Amino acid sequence: MRVLGSSVLGFEAIVVLLAMPLLAVNGYVDSMGVAFAIGGAIAIGLILGIAVITRPFGVWWGWAMQVVVLALGFWIPTMWILGGMFAILWFVAVRMGGRIDRARAGQ
């Protein structure tokens, strides 16, 4: 879970930051700075998810961040697709990640 889940959240943070200029271009926020402040806050939340992934609430934090990224779809319609893809990847990470970690520890 640790390696696979961290990869998903890390790449998701990058995608969120790369999508932020669309907020300003589409006119949903006043400036590029505001767009990057929003994206930066979400990216920090995703990176915090990497930090707490081994804690009992880490998986739930990851699911909450998936909801936040999907909610970006209200402003950036492409995020419905990208957020959905990352939600599926997070589901796979939660389901398969523990098995992978146990297999690596047993070597």
Protein backbone atom coordinates (compact mmCIF):
# COMPACT_ATOMS: atom_id res chain seq x y z
CA MET A 1 0.00 0.00 0.00
CA ARG A 2 2.77 2.38 0.91
CA VAL A 3 4.62 2.36 -2.40
CA LEU A 4 1.65 2.05 -4.74
CA GLY A 5 -0.56 4.51 -2.85
CA SER A 6 2.24 7.05 -2.56
CA SER A 7 2.82 6.87 -6.30
CA VAL A 8 -0.84 7.49 -7.05
CA LEU A 9 -1.06 10.47 -4.70
CA GLY A 10 2.23 11.94 -5.90
CA PHE A 11 1.30 11.81 -9.57
CA GLU A 12 -2.14 13.14 -8.75
CA ALA A 13 -0.59 16.18 -7.04
CA ILE A 14 1.40 16.89 -10.21
CA VAL A 15 -1.68 16.58 -12.42
CA VAL A 16 -3.68 18.90 -10.16
CA LEU A 17 -0.98 21.56 -10.33
CA LEU A 18 -0.77 21.24 -14.11
CA ALA A 19 -4.55 21.66 -14.40
CA MET A 20 -4.69 24.91 -12.42
CA PRO A 21 -3.98 27.31 -15.31
CA LEU A 22 -7.30 26.16 -16.77
CA LEU A 23 -9.10 27.73 -13.80
CA ALA A 24 -7.76 31.15 -14.70
CA VAL A 25 -8.05 30.69 -18.46
CA ASN A 26 -11.68 29.60 -18.21
CA GLY A 27 -12.44 32.63 -16.03
CA TYR A 28 -13.45 30.74 -12.89
CA VAL A 29 -10.91 32.64 -10.78
CA ASP A 30 -9.58 36.18 -11.14
CA SER A 31 -5.88 35.49 -11.47
CA MET A 32 -3.33 32.78 -12.03
CA GLY A 33 -2.11 33.29 -8.45
CA VAL A 34 -5.50 32.37 -7.02
CA ALA A 35 -5.63 29.32 -9.29
CA PHE A 36 -2.24 28.13 -8.10
CA ALA A 37 -3.17 28.82 -4.47
CA ILE A 38 -6.18 26.51 -4.87
CA GLY A 39 -4.13 23.91 -6.70
CA GLY A 40 -1.30 24.23 -4.23
CA ALA A 41 -3.65 23.62 -1.30
CA ILE A 42 -5.02 20.50 -2.96
CA ALA A 43 -1.53 19.32 -3.88
CA ILE A 44 -0.36 19.83 -0.29
CA GLY A 45 -3.34 17.75 0.86
CA LEU A 46 -2.30 14.99 -1.54
CA ILE A 47 1.30 15.14 -0.36
CA LEU A 48 0.12 15.01 3.26
CA GLY A 49 -1.74 11.87 2.20
CA ILE A 50 1.61 10.35 1.27
CA ALA A 51 2.93 11.22 4.74
CA VAL A 52 0.00 9.62 6.59
CA ILE A 53 -0.61 6.66 4.30
CA THR A 54 0.64 4.14 6.87
CA ARG A 55 -1.55 5.51 9.67
CA PRO A 56 -5.04 4.09 10.33
CA PHE A 57 -6.75 7.14 8.81
CA GLY A 58 -4.39 7.33 5.82
CA VAL A 59 -6.63 5.41 3.45
CA TRP A 60 -9.61 7.56 4.40
CA TRP A 61 -7.53 10.71 3.83
CA GLY A 62 -6.71 9.39 0.38
CA TRP A 63 -10.39 8.79 -0.37
CA ALA A 64 -11.26 12.29 0.83
CA MET A 65 -8.64 13.73 -1.50
CA GLN A 66 -10.11 11.70 -4.38
CA VAL A 67 -13.45 13.39 -3.70
CA VAL A 68 -11.77 16.82 -3.69
CA VAL A 69 -10.04 16.14 -7.01
CA LEU A 70 -13.29 14.87 -8.52
CA ALA A 71 -15.03 18.02 -7.27
CA LEU A 72 -12.62 20.04 -9.41
CA GLY A 73 -14.66 18.68 -12.30
CA PHE A 74 -17.30 21.32 -11.54
CA TRP A 75 -14.81 23.98 -12.72
CA ILE A 76 -12.54 21.99 -15.03
CA PRO A 77 -14.65 19.33 -16.80
CA THR A 78 -11.55 17.34 -17.78
CA MET A 79 -10.96 16.66 -14.09
CA TRP A 80 -14.03 14.39 -14.07
CA ILE A 81 -12.07 12.07 -16.33
CA LEU A 82 -8.67 12.51 -14.69
CA GLY A 83 -10.11 12.41 -11.18
CA GLY A 84 -12.04 9.27 -12.07
CA MET A 85 -8.91 7.63 -13.38
CA PHE A 86 -7.01 8.50 -10.21
CA ALA A 87 -9.91 7.28 -8.05
CA ILE A 88 -9.72 3.93 -9.85
CA LEU A 89 -5.95 3.86 -9.37
CA TRP A 90 -6.42 4.67 -5.67
CA PHE A 91 -8.93 1.82 -5.38
CA VAL A 92 -6.41 -0.56 -6.95
CA ALA A 93 -3.68 0.76 -4.64
CA VAL A 94 -5.86 0.14 -1.59
CA ARG A 95 -6.87 -3.34 -2.74
CA MET A 96 -3.54 -4.57 -4.09
CA GLY A 97 -1.02 -2.40 -2.27
CA GLY A 98 -1.18 -4.29 1.01
CA ARG A 99 -0.51 -7.56 -0.77
CA ILE A 100 2.46 -6.08 -2.58
CA ASP A 101 3.91 -4.66 0.65
CA ARG A 102 3.52 -8.01 2.42
CA ALA A 103 5.14 -9.84 -0.47
CA ARG A 104 8.10 -7.41 -0.48
CA ALA A 105 8.53 -7.75 3.29
CA GLY A 106 8.58 -11.54 3.02
CA GLN A 107 11.56 -11.59 0.69
